[in-house]
Structures are given as C-alpha cells and as structure tokens.
C-alpha cells in the first residue's frame, strides 16, 4: 500500500477529503500556526486538524518538521527542522537555510517586548490576565518596554507602526479589537499565550542582556514561524 493510499484510508475514517487535508497542511506551511480562536474559518480548520492529528504529525515528521498541539490554547504550531522549541528537547536535525525568515529588527524587538510583558502580566495576574490566558496591555506600554528593556524605539511613523501591529497580529502574537486605535490611550491589545511557543525564557534573558539589535538583524523562522519568508508573507487572512 502506498503512502497516498494509507493517507486516504485514514482520512476516510474521519470523513475528511484529501482536499481538506491539503488545506490544513497549506495553512500550517503558510502561517506556521492554526489558532482556533482566530476566526470561523480557522476554528473549523483547527477542529478538523484535531481529528487527523496523528496523520498530520506523521506527514510533517517525514520532512523533519515538528507539529505541536497546545490543547489549553487550542492551537497547532509547526516548527522547522532544527528549530529551538521552548520546553522541548532538540530534534537533533540541522537547520535548513531555506527555512529561515528575514524578519525586521522592529518585529523581532516587538516580539521580545511582548514576551517580557506577557511574563510580567502572568506574575501580576489581576485584571490584566484574561480567562483565555491573554495579557492585556496598552500600546504605550509596549513602547515603554521597548525603550527600557531593549533600548529600542518603535518605528517613527504611524504607517510603520500600524504595519508592525498588523504583522504581529498576522503571526497570532496579539489580538486587536476591531476599533483599536494607537491614538486611543485607553485602547488595549491582548498578548496571546502563543508568544510562549516562539520565545523561551533563555531567549528572552539573552535578549535583555545583549546590545540593541543592529540594522538588518534576522532571526530563524523556527523562532517565530516554521516556514520560509515568502510563505509567511503569503499568510492567509
């Protein structure tokens, strides 16, 4: 029996088509994550992925990828070969240069600042911590954390800042209300627990102790997403 025949047999047991399997796989390769809370489309993708979790895990494992399922947060995250996965042992594989995303220093710094704020929010608890495990913060607090902890400022223009927020949202690191505005001092953004899956305590500590990020800095896709840069840019909304 071929791999394709075996897969189709397993899909039939769950009443799912090969086309649906390809859709789930495509989303994971494109975005690196499927988060049930995101929207109706992603909720259905997540629910179907749960039904064929073993098939998906075996499929990605053949290529050296790791598919991790966070039951509490209700999301799947895909890690590339050789990725440093917080809380998990190394896979013993060499990183693949082609699976390395060139991410802007602003994005990397903002992700680190959000990770710092998330840890702070967990420690403080109270009204900042939601039932979904998110930590609420204000845009100004993100700016202050960048300056005090990473010695880095936000992008200078509102257009660049909005682009940064959109990128953080696309990577499922934050959640923004539909009426969110950077000009509203009381507007809150929610830091999602997904941040824990890309930045470990050691990575955060090293970043806080290091010099400011130089222009042109990059980070592995495994740290932020498990796909190539062009796939991240093609993330399905």
Protein backbone atom coordinates (compact mmCIF):
# COMPACT_ATOMS: atom_id res chain seq x y z
CA UNK A 1 0.00 0.00 0.00
CA UNK A 2 1.36 3.44 -0.94
CA UNK A 3 1.58 6.39 1.43
CA UNK A 4 -1.15 8.12 -0.54
CA UNK A 5 -3.46 5.12 -0.21
CA UNK A 6 -2.77 4.88 3.52
CA UNK A 7 -3.48 8.57 3.98
CA UNK A 8 -6.74 8.40 2.05
CA UNK A 9 -7.78 5.42 4.13
CA UNK A 10 -7.15 7.30 7.38
CA UNK A 11 -8.94 10.39 6.10
CA UNK A 12 -11.95 8.29 5.11
CA UNK A 13 -12.25 7.04 8.69
CA UNK A 14 -12.75 10.69 9.76
CA UNK A 15 -14.94 11.56 6.75
CA UNK A 16 -12.39 14.12 5.55
CA UNK A 17 -11.24 14.60 1.98
CA UNK A 18 -7.71 14.82 0.64
CA UNK A 19 -8.53 18.38 -0.40
CA UNK A 20 -9.30 19.27 3.22
CA UNK A 21 -6.05 17.67 4.34
CA UNK A 22 -4.18 19.78 1.80
CA UNK A 23 -5.98 22.90 3.02
CA UNK A 24 -4.90 22.25 6.62
CA UNK A 25 -1.33 21.47 5.58
CA UNK A 26 -1.22 24.55 3.35
CA UNK A 27 -2.36 26.79 6.21
CA UNK A 28 0.29 25.39 8.54
CA UNK A 29 3.04 25.83 5.95
CA UNK A 30 1.82 29.33 5.11
CA UNK A 31 1.22 30.64 8.63
CA UNK A 32 3.03 28.18 10.88
CA UNK A 33 0.02 28.14 13.20
CA UNK A 34 -3.68 27.31 13.27
CA UNK A 35 -5.41 29.04 16.17
CA UNK A 36 -8.99 28.08 16.92
CA UNK A 37 -9.87 31.44 18.46
CA UNK A 38 -8.83 33.45 15.41
CA UNK A 39 -11.99 33.24 13.29
CA UNK A 40 -14.65 30.89 11.98
CA UNK A 41 -12.50 29.58 9.14
CA UNK A 42 -9.57 28.84 11.40
CA UNK A 43 -11.84 27.33 14.03
CA UNK A 44 -13.07 24.76 11.52
CA UNK A 45 -9.52 24.10 10.32
CA UNK A 46 -8.41 23.51 13.90
CA UNK A 47 -11.33 21.18 14.65
CA UNK A 48 -10.63 19.12 11.53
CA UNK A 49 -6.89 19.08 12.30
CA UNK A 50 -7.65 17.61 15.71
CA UNK A 51 -9.50 14.75 14.06
CA UNK A 52 -6.47 13.82 11.96
CA UNK A 53 -3.73 14.96 14.33
CA UNK A 54 -1.81 11.68 14.06
CA UNK A 55 -1.83 11.79 10.26
CA UNK A 56 -0.64 15.39 10.24
CA UNK A 57 2.10 14.67 12.76
CA UNK A 58 3.38 11.70 10.73
CA UNK A 59 3.24 13.69 7.50
CA UNK A 60 5.30 16.59 8.82
CA UNK A 61 7.69 14.31 10.70
CA UNK A 62 8.73 12.67 7.41
CA UNK A 63 10.13 16.05 6.36
CA UNK A 64 11.77 16.73 9.71
CA UNK A 65 9.12 19.20 10.89
CA UNK A 66 7.50 19.10 14.31
CA UNK A 67 3.82 19.72 14.80
CA UNK A 68 2.98 20.70 18.36
CA UNK A 69 -0.57 20.80 19.66
CA UNK A 70 -1.32 23.13 22.54
CA UNK A 71 -4.57 21.78 23.96
CA UNK A 72 -5.04 24.56 26.50
CA UNK A 73 -4.50 27.33 23.98
CA UNK A 74 -6.27 25.37 21.23
CA UNK A 75 -3.69 25.84 18.51
CA UNK A 76 -1.30 23.85 16.35
CA UNK A 77 2.17 25.23 15.64
CA UNK A 78 4.60 23.93 13.05
CA UNK A 79 8.35 24.05 13.68
CA UNK A 80 11.03 23.64 11.03
CA UNK A 81 13.87 21.11 11.31
CA UNK A 82 16.46 22.17 13.86
CA UNK A 83 14.14 24.69 15.48
CA UNK A 84 14.69 25.67 19.10
CA UNK A 85 11.30 24.87 20.59
CA UNK A 86 10.72 26.28 24.10
CA UNK A 87 10.15 23.49 26.60
CA UNK A 88 11.03 20.65 24.21
CA UNK A 89 14.29 18.77 23.57
CA UNK A 90 16.25 19.41 20.39
CA UNK A 91 15.29 17.24 17.44
CA UNK A 92 18.92 16.61 16.50
CA UNK A 93 18.43 17.86 12.94
CA UNK A 94 20.44 20.52 11.18
CA UNK A 95 18.57 23.78 10.48
CA UNK A 96 17.65 24.25 6.82
CA UNK A 97 18.94 27.60 5.47
CA UNK A 98 15.99 27.83 3.08
CA UNK A 99 13.61 27.80 6.03
CA UNK A 100 14.97 30.97 7.53
CA UNK A 101 12.86 34.11 7.57
CA UNK A 102 14.38 37.55 7.37
CA UNK A 103 12.30 39.49 9.83
CA UNK A 104 12.71 43.17 10.51
CA UNK A 105 14.54 44.24 13.66
CA UNK A 106 11.37 46.11 14.66
CA UNK A 107 9.33 42.91 14.52
CA UNK A 108 11.88 40.89 16.47
CA UNK A 109 12.23 43.59 19.13
CA UNK A 110 8.46 43.99 19.47
CA UNK A 111 8.03 40.22 19.87
CA UNK A 112 10.64 40.19 22.62
CA UNK A 113 9.00 43.15 24.35
CA UNK A 114 5.63 41.42 24.18
CA UNK A 115 7.18 38.28 25.68
CA UNK A 116 8.57 40.38 28.54
CA UNK A 117 5.18 42.00 29.11
CA UNK A 118 3.42 38.64 28.96
CA UNK A 119 5.64 37.21 31.66
CA UNK A 120 5.08 40.31 33.74
CA UNK A 121 1.33 40.02 33.29
CA UNK A 122 1.34 36.38 34.37
CA UNK A 123 3.22 37.30 37.52
CA UNK A 124 0.92 40.18 38.39
CA UNK A 125 -2.33 38.48 37.42
CA UNK A 126 -5.40 40.52 38.24
CA UNK A 127 -7.46 42.22 35.54
CA UNK A 128 -4.58 42.16 33.06
CA UNK A 129 -4.87 38.39 32.70
CA UNK A 130 -7.93 37.15 30.80
CA UNK A 131 -9.70 33.80 31.07
CA UNK A 132 -8.18 32.86 27.70
CA UNK A 133 -4.68 33.27 29.12
CA UNK A 134 -4.05 36.54 27.31
CA UNK A 135 -2.33 39.51 28.92
CA UNK A 136 -3.80 42.94 28.26
CA UNK A 137 -1.53 45.89 27.66
CA UNK A 138 -1.58 49.32 26.08
CA UNK A 139 0.34 50.44 23.02
CA UNK A 140 2.22 52.99 25.11
CA UNK A 141 3.32 50.22 27.48
CA UNK A 142 4.75 48.29 24.55
CA UNK A 143 6.68 51.40 23.53
CA UNK A 144 7.96 51.92 27.07
CA UNK A 145 9.08 48.29 27.38
CA UNK A 146 10.99 48.53 24.11
CA UNK A 147 12.85 51.60 25.34
CA UNK A 148 13.57 50.48 28.89
CA UNK A 149 14.31 46.79 28.31
CA UNK A 150 15.69 46.66 24.75
CA UNK A 151 16.86 50.26 24.31
CA UNK A 152 14.91 50.46 21.09
CA UNK A 153 12.17 52.79 19.88
CA UNK A 154 9.08 51.99 17.86
CA UNK A 155 9.14 52.82 14.13
CA UNK A 156 8.90 56.61 13.67
CA UNK A 157 5.73 56.88 11.57
CA UNK A 158 2.18 55.76 12.27
CA UNK A 159 2.10 53.89 8.98
CA UNK A 160 5.15 51.83 10.01
CA UNK A 161 3.73 51.26 13.47
CA UNK A 162 0.42 50.05 12.08
CA UNK A 163 2.28 47.73 9.72
CA UNK A 164 4.18 46.32 12.68
CA UNK A 165 0.95 45.71 14.61
CA UNK A 166 -0.58 44.04 11.58
CA UNK A 167 2.46 41.73 11.29
CA UNK A 168 2.27 40.81 14.97
CA UNK A 169 -1.44 40.10 14.57
CA UNK A 170 -0.87 38.02 11.43
CA UNK A 171 1.62 35.87 13.30
CA UNK A 172 -1.02 35.35 16.00
CA UNK A 173 1.06 37.03 18.71
CA UNK A 174 -1.51 39.70 19.54
CA UNK A 175 -5.22 40.27 19.23
CA UNK A 176 -6.63 43.69 18.38
CA UNK A 177 -10.20 44.85 18.78
CA UNK A 178 -11.91 45.98 15.59
CA UNK A 179 -11.98 49.58 16.87
CA UNK A 180 -8.38 49.58 18.16
CA UNK A 181 -6.53 52.84 17.62
CA UNK A 182 -2.97 53.76 18.50
CA UNK A 183 -4.20 57.26 19.28
CA UNK A 184 -6.57 55.99 21.98
CA UNK A 185 -4.64 55.90 25.25
CA UNK A 186 -7.18 53.54 26.80
CA UNK A 187 -7.20 51.06 23.89
CA UNK A 188 -5.93 47.64 24.88
CA UNK A 189 -4.19 44.96 22.86
CA UNK A 190 -4.11 41.34 24.01
CA UNK A 191 -0.82 39.42 24.05
CA UNK A 192 -1.65 35.84 23.21
CA UNK A 193 -0.12 32.84 25.01
CA UNK A 194 1.21 31.75 21.60
CA UNK A 195 4.16 34.06 22.37
CA UNK A 196 5.47 31.36 24.72
CA UNK A 197 5.92 28.95 21.83
CA UNK A 198 8.40 31.13 19.97
CA UNK A 199 10.44 32.90 22.66
CA UNK A 200 11.76 30.86 25.56
CA UNK A 201 12.87 32.22 28.92
CA UNK A 202 16.50 31.74 27.87
CA UNK A 203 15.98 33.62 24.61
CA UNK A 204 14.30 36.50 26.42
CA UNK A 205 17.01 36.65 29.07
CA UNK A 206 19.74 36.65 26.42
CA UNK A 207 17.99 39.45 24.51
CA UNK A 208 17.59 41.60 27.61
CA UNK A 209 21.27 41.20 28.42
CA UNK A 210 22.52 41.83 24.88
CA UNK A 211 23.22 45.00 22.99
CA UNK A 212 20.42 46.64 20.95
CA UNK A 213 19.57 44.82 17.72
CA UNK A 214 21.58 46.18 14.78
CA UNK A 215 20.02 47.18 11.48
CA UNK A 216 19.48 44.18 9.24
CA UNK A 217 19.21 41.72 12.11
CA UNK A 218 17.43 38.45 11.38
CA UNK A 219 16.05 35.54 13.32
CA UNK A 220 15.35 31.98 12.29
CA UNK A 221 11.89 31.15 11.06
CA UNK A 222 11.89 28.41 13.69
CA UNK A 223 11.91 31.09 16.39
CA UNK A 224 8.93 32.94 15.02
CA UNK A 225 7.42 30.72 12.35
CA UNK A 226 8.30 27.34 10.87
CA UNK A 227 8.15 28.35 7.26
CA UNK A 228 10.11 30.30 4.67
CA UNK A 229 9.84 34.07 4.45
CA UNK A 230 7.79 34.04 1.28
CA UNK A 231 5.26 31.70 2.89
CA UNK A 232 4.91 33.97 5.92
CA UNK A 233 4.20 36.93 3.64
CA UNK A 234 1.54 34.82 1.95
CA UNK A 235 -0.24 34.14 5.21
CA UNK A 236 -3.96 33.60 4.62
CA UNK A 237 -6.11 36.13 6.46
